[in-house]
């Protein structure tokens, strides 16, 4: 997965993780394989329940 956070691009591999603070600009792009991603928030976002 190609992951961009605040303009910095990283290639993530299985088991990698990213911490995204509030209001940080970010995006992700799947490159060429089946990919699974997990999102988690703390505190819980009521608009995502």
PDB file of N, CA and C in Angstrom:
ATOM      1  N   UNK A   1       0.849  -1.155   0.000  1.00  0.00           N
ATOM      2  CA  UNK A   1       0.000   0.000   0.000  1.00  0.00           C
ATOM      3  C   UNK A   1       0.904   1.229   0.000  1.00  0.00           C
ATOM      4  N   UNK A   2       0.589   2.157  -0.860  1.00  0.00           N
ATOM      5  CA  UNK A   2       1.293   3.434  -0.853  1.00  0.00           C
ATOM      6  C   UNK A   2       0.500   4.378   0.045  1.00  0.00           C
ATOM      7  N   UNK A   3       1.129   4.896   1.063  1.00  0.00           N
ATOM      8  CA  UNK A   3       0.439   5.734   2.032  1.00  0.00           C
ATOM      9  C   UNK A   3       1.092   7.100   2.064  1.00  0.00           C
ATOM     10  N   UNK A   4       0.274   8.144   1.948  1.00  0.00           N
ATOM     11  CA  UNK A   4       0.777   9.513   1.992  1.00  0.00           C
ATOM     12  C   UNK A   4       0.245  10.194   3.245  1.00  0.00           C
ATOM     13  N   UNK A   5       1.146  10.771   4.025  1.00  0.00           N
ATOM     14  CA  UNK A   5       0.779  11.477   5.245  1.00  0.00           C
ATOM     15  C   UNK A   5       1.526  12.805   5.259  1.00  0.00           C
ATOM     16  N   UNK A   6       0.769  13.887   5.221  1.00  0.00           N
ATOM     17  CA  UNK A   6       1.358  15.238   5.191  1.00  0.00           C
ATOM     18  C   UNK A   6       2.384  15.394   4.076  1.00  0.00           C
ATOM     19  N   UNK A   7       2.082  14.832   2.918  1.00  0.00           N
ATOM     20  CA  UNK A   7       2.952  14.974   1.756  1.00  0.00           C
ATOM     21  C   UNK A   7       4.089  13.976   1.684  1.00  0.00           C
ATOM     22  N   UNK A   8       4.323  13.190   2.727  1.00  0.00           N
ATOM     23  CA  UNK A   8       5.388  12.185   2.727  1.00  0.00           C
ATOM     24  C   UNK A   8       4.808  10.840   2.307  1.00  0.00           C
ATOM     25  N   UNK A   9       5.399  10.232   1.282  1.00  0.00           N
ATOM     26  CA  UNK A   9       4.921   8.953   0.759  1.00  0.00           C
ATOM     27  C   UNK A   9       5.751   7.822   1.339  1.00  0.00           C
ATOM     28  N   UNK A  10       5.043   6.777   1.839  1.00  0.00           N
ATOM     29  CA  UNK A  10       5.700   5.570   2.348  1.00  0.00           C
ATOM     30  C   UNK A  10       5.039   4.362   1.716  1.00  0.00           C
ATOM     31  N   UNK A  11       5.816   3.319   1.501  1.00  0.00           N
ATOM     32  CA  UNK A  11       5.277   2.041   1.051  1.00  0.00           C
ATOM     33  C   UNK A  11       5.137   1.158   2.284  1.00  0.00           C
ATOM     34  N   UNK A  12       3.892   0.756   2.583  1.00  0.00           N
ATOM     35  CA  UNK A  12       3.634  -0.075   3.753  1.00  0.00           C
ATOM     36  C   UNK A  12       3.603  -1.543   3.358  1.00  0.00           C
ATOM     37  N   UNK A  13       4.156  -2.385   4.235  1.00  0.00           N
ATOM     38  CA  UNK A  13       4.171  -3.833   4.041  1.00  0.00           C
ATOM     39  C   UNK A  13       3.273  -4.471   5.087  1.00  0.00           C
ATOM     40  N   UNK A  14       3.013  -5.754   4.949  1.00  0.00           N
ATOM     41  CA  UNK A  14       2.208  -6.486   5.930  1.00  0.00           C
ATOM     42  C   UNK A  14       2.773  -6.257   7.328  1.00  0.00           C
ATOM     43  N   UNK A  15       1.902  -5.897   8.256  1.00  0.00           N
ATOM     44  CA  UNK A  15       2.301  -5.678   9.634  1.00  0.00           C
ATOM     45  C   UNK A  15       2.686  -4.244   9.967  1.00  0.00           C
ATOM     46  N   UNK A  16       2.868  -3.396   8.958  1.00  0.00           N
ATOM     47  CA  UNK A  16       3.195  -1.995   9.215  1.00  0.00           C
ATOM     48  C   UNK A  16       1.967  -1.252   9.718  1.00  0.00           C
ATOM     49  N   UNK A  17       2.188  -0.139  10.377  1.00  0.00           N
ATOM     50  CA  UNK A  17       1.097   0.680  10.871  1.00  0.00           C
ATOM     51  C   UNK A  17       1.438   2.154  10.740  1.00  0.00           C
ATOM     52  N   UNK A  18       0.405   2.973  10.846  1.00  0.00           N
ATOM     53  CA  UNK A  18       0.573   4.417  10.744  1.00  0.00           C
ATOM     54  C   UNK A  18      -0.300   5.063  11.807  1.00  0.00           C
ATOM     55  N   UNK A  19       0.225   6.061  12.484  1.00  0.00           N
ATOM     56  CA  UNK A  19      -0.567   6.857  13.424  1.00  0.00           C
ATOM     57  C   UNK A  19      -0.872   8.181  12.741  1.00  0.00           C
ATOM     58  N   UNK A  20      -2.161   8.496  12.678  1.00  0.00           N
ATOM     59  CA  UNK A  20      -2.605   9.730  12.035  1.00  0.00           C
ATOM     60  C   UNK A  20      -3.263  10.587  13.103  1.00  0.00           C
ATOM     61  N   UNK A  21      -2.699  11.742  13.362  1.00  0.00           N
ATOM     62  CA  UNK A  21      -3.272  12.650  14.342  1.00  0.00           C
ATOM     63  C   UNK A  21      -4.466  13.379  13.737  1.00  0.00           C
ATOM     64  N   UNK A  22      -5.275  13.983  14.581  1.00  0.00           N
ATOM     65  CA  UNK A  22      -6.455  14.716  14.111  1.00  0.00           C
ATOM     66  C   UNK A  22      -6.065  15.746  13.050  1.00  0.00           C
ATOM     67  N   UNK A  23      -6.867  15.796  12.010  1.00  0.00           N
ATOM     68  CA  UNK A  23      -6.748  16.798  10.942  1.00  0.00           C
ATOM     69  C   UNK A  23      -5.479  16.696  10.101  1.00  0.00           C
ATOM     70  N   UNK A  24      -4.766  15.568  10.154  1.00  0.00           N
ATOM     71  CA  UNK A  24      -3.612  15.392   9.275  1.00  0.00           C
ATOM     72  C   UNK A  24      -4.118  14.908   7.916  1.00  0.00           C
ATOM     73  N   UNK A  25      -3.643  15.540   6.872  1.00  0.00           N
ATOM     74  CA  UNK A  25      -4.017  15.140   5.523  1.00  0.00           C
ATOM     75  C   UNK A  25      -3.353  13.799   5.206  1.00  0.00           C
ATOM     76  N   UNK A  26      -4.148  12.849   4.679  1.00  0.00           N
ATOM     77  CA  UNK A  26      -3.599  11.529   4.373  1.00  0.00           C
ATOM     78  C   UNK A  26      -4.400  10.863   3.259  1.00  0.00           C
ATOM     79  N   UNK A  27      -3.762   9.883   2.619  1.00  0.00           N
ATOM     80  CA  UNK A  27      -4.427   9.084   1.592  1.00  0.00           C
ATOM     81  C   UNK A  27      -3.692   7.756   1.469  1.00  0.00           C
ATOM     82  N   UNK A  28      -4.369   6.795   0.838  1.00  0.00           N
ATOM     83  CA  UNK A  28      -3.760   5.477   0.625  1.00  0.00           C
ATOM     84  C   UNK A  28      -4.132   4.989  -0.767  1.00  0.00           C
ATOM     85  N   UNK A  29      -3.223   4.227  -1.352  1.00  0.00           N
ATOM     86  CA  UNK A  29      -3.462   3.664  -2.680  1.00  0.00           C
ATOM     87  C   UNK A  29      -2.940   2.235  -2.694  1.00  0.00           C
ATOM     88  N   UNK A  30      -3.798   1.306  -3.097  1.00  0.00           N
ATOM     89  CA  UNK A  30      -3.406  -0.097  -3.199  1.00  0.00           C
ATOM     90  C   UNK A  30      -2.566  -0.254  -4.452  1.00  0.00           C
ATOM     91  N   UNK A  31      -1.434  -0.928  -4.327  1.00  0.00           N
ATOM     92  CA  UNK A  31      -0.508  -1.028  -5.455  1.00  0.00           C
ATOM     93  C   UNK A  31      -0.812  -2.214  -6.364  1.00  0.00           C
ATOM     94  N   UNK A  32      -0.733  -3.448  -5.871  1.00  0.00           N
ATOM     95  CA  UNK A  32      -0.908  -4.552  -6.817  1.00  0.00           C
ATOM     96  C   UNK A  32      -1.312  -5.881  -6.193  1.00  0.00           C
ATOM     97  N   UNK A  33      -1.668  -5.928  -4.930  1.00  0.00           N
ATOM     98  CA  UNK A  33      -2.006  -7.187  -4.274  1.00  0.00           C
ATOM     99  C   UNK A  33      -3.286  -7.027  -3.477  1.00  0.00           C
ATOM    100  N   UNK A  34      -3.937  -8.136  -3.189  1.00  0.00           N
ATOM    101  CA  UNK A  34      -5.066  -8.023  -2.250  1.00  0.00           C
ATOM    102  C   UNK A  34      -4.553  -7.417  -0.936  1.00  0.00           C
ATOM    103  N   UNK A  35      -5.293  -6.487  -0.387  1.00  0.00           N
ATOM    104  CA  UNK A  35      -4.844  -5.746   0.785  1.00  0.00           C
ATOM    105  C   UNK A  35      -5.953  -5.649   1.815  1.00  0.00           C
ATOM    106  N   UNK A  36      -5.601  -5.785   3.077  1.00  0.00           N
ATOM    107  CA  UNK A  36      -6.539  -5.567   4.172  1.00  0.00           C
ATOM    108  C   UNK A  36      -6.021  -4.413   5.007  1.00  0.00           C
ATOM    109  N   UNK A  37      -6.936  -3.557   5.422  1.00  0.00           N
ATOM    110  CA  UNK A  37      -6.569  -2.432   6.277  1.00  0.00           C
ATOM    111  C   UNK A  37      -7.544  -2.363   7.440  1.00  0.00           C
ATOM    112  N   UNK A  38      -7.063  -1.906   8.581  1.00  0.00           N
ATOM    113  CA  UNK A  38      -7.889  -1.766   9.775  1.00  0.00           C
ATOM    114  C   UNK A  38      -7.803  -0.310  10.232  1.00  0.00           C
ATOM    115  N   UNK A  39      -8.957   0.314  10.441  1.00  0.00           N
ATOM    116  CA  UNK A  39      -9.018   1.671  10.989  1.00  0.00           C
ATOM    117  C   UNK A  39      -9.470   1.589  12.432  1.00  0.00           C
ATOM    118  N   UNK A  40      -8.876   2.398  13.284  1.00  0.00           N
ATOM    119  CA  UNK A  40      -9.289   2.470  14.685  1.00  0.00           C
ATOM    120  C   UNK A  40      -9.160   3.910  15.151  1.00  0.00           C
ATOM    121  N   UNK A  41     -10.118   4.348  15.989  1.00  0.00           N
ATOM    122  CA  UNK A  41     -10.106   5.712  16.504  1.00  0.00           C
ATOM    123  C   UNK A  41     -10.128   5.698  18.021  1.00  0.00           C
ATOM    124  N   UNK A  42      -9.469   6.679  18.612  1.00  0.00           N
ATOM    125  CA  UNK A  42      -9.559   6.881  20.045  1.00  0.00           C
ATOM    126  C   UNK A  42      -9.514   8.375  20.304  1.00  0.00           C
ATOM    127  N   UNK A  43     -10.551   8.949  20.858  1.00  0.00           N
ATOM    128  CA  UNK A  43     -11.767   8.289  21.329  1.00  0.00           C
ATOM    129  C   UNK A  43     -12.647   7.857  20.157  1.00  0.00           C
ATOM    130  N   UNK A  44     -13.634   7.039  20.458  1.00  0.00           N
ATOM    131  CA  UNK A  44     -14.550   6.523  19.437  1.00  0.00           C
ATOM    132  C   UNK A  44     -15.253   7.691  18.747  1.00  0.00           C
ATOM    133  N   UNK A  45     -15.317   7.621  17.424  1.00  0.00           N
ATOM    134  CA  UNK A  45     -16.028   8.640  16.654  1.00  0.00           C
ATOM    135  C   UNK A  45     -17.504   8.264  16.585  1.00  0.00           C
ATOM    136  N   UNK A  46     -18.331   9.075  17.165  1.00  0.00           N
ATOM    137  CA  UNK A  46     -19.764   8.790  17.197  1.00  0.00           C
ATOM    138  C   UNK A  46     -20.359   8.750  15.798  1.00  0.00           C
ATOM    139  N   UNK A  47     -19.827   9.519  14.845  1.00  0.00           N
ATOM    140  CA  UNK A  47     -20.367   9.527  13.486  1.00  0.00           C
ATOM    141  C   UNK A  47     -20.011   8.249  12.710  1.00  0.00           C
ATOM    142  N   UNK A  48     -19.184   7.386  13.264  1.00  0.00           N
ATOM    143  CA  UNK A  48     -18.815   6.127  12.605  1.00  0.00           C
ATOM    144  C   UNK A  48     -19.426   4.911  13.291  1.00  0.00           C
ATOM    145  N   UNK A  49     -20.265   5.111  14.291  1.00  0.00           N
ATOM    146  CA  UNK A  49     -20.902   3.987  14.975  1.00  0.00           C
ATOM    147  C   UNK A  49     -21.925   3.345  14.102  1.00  0.00           C
TER     148      UNK A  49
END
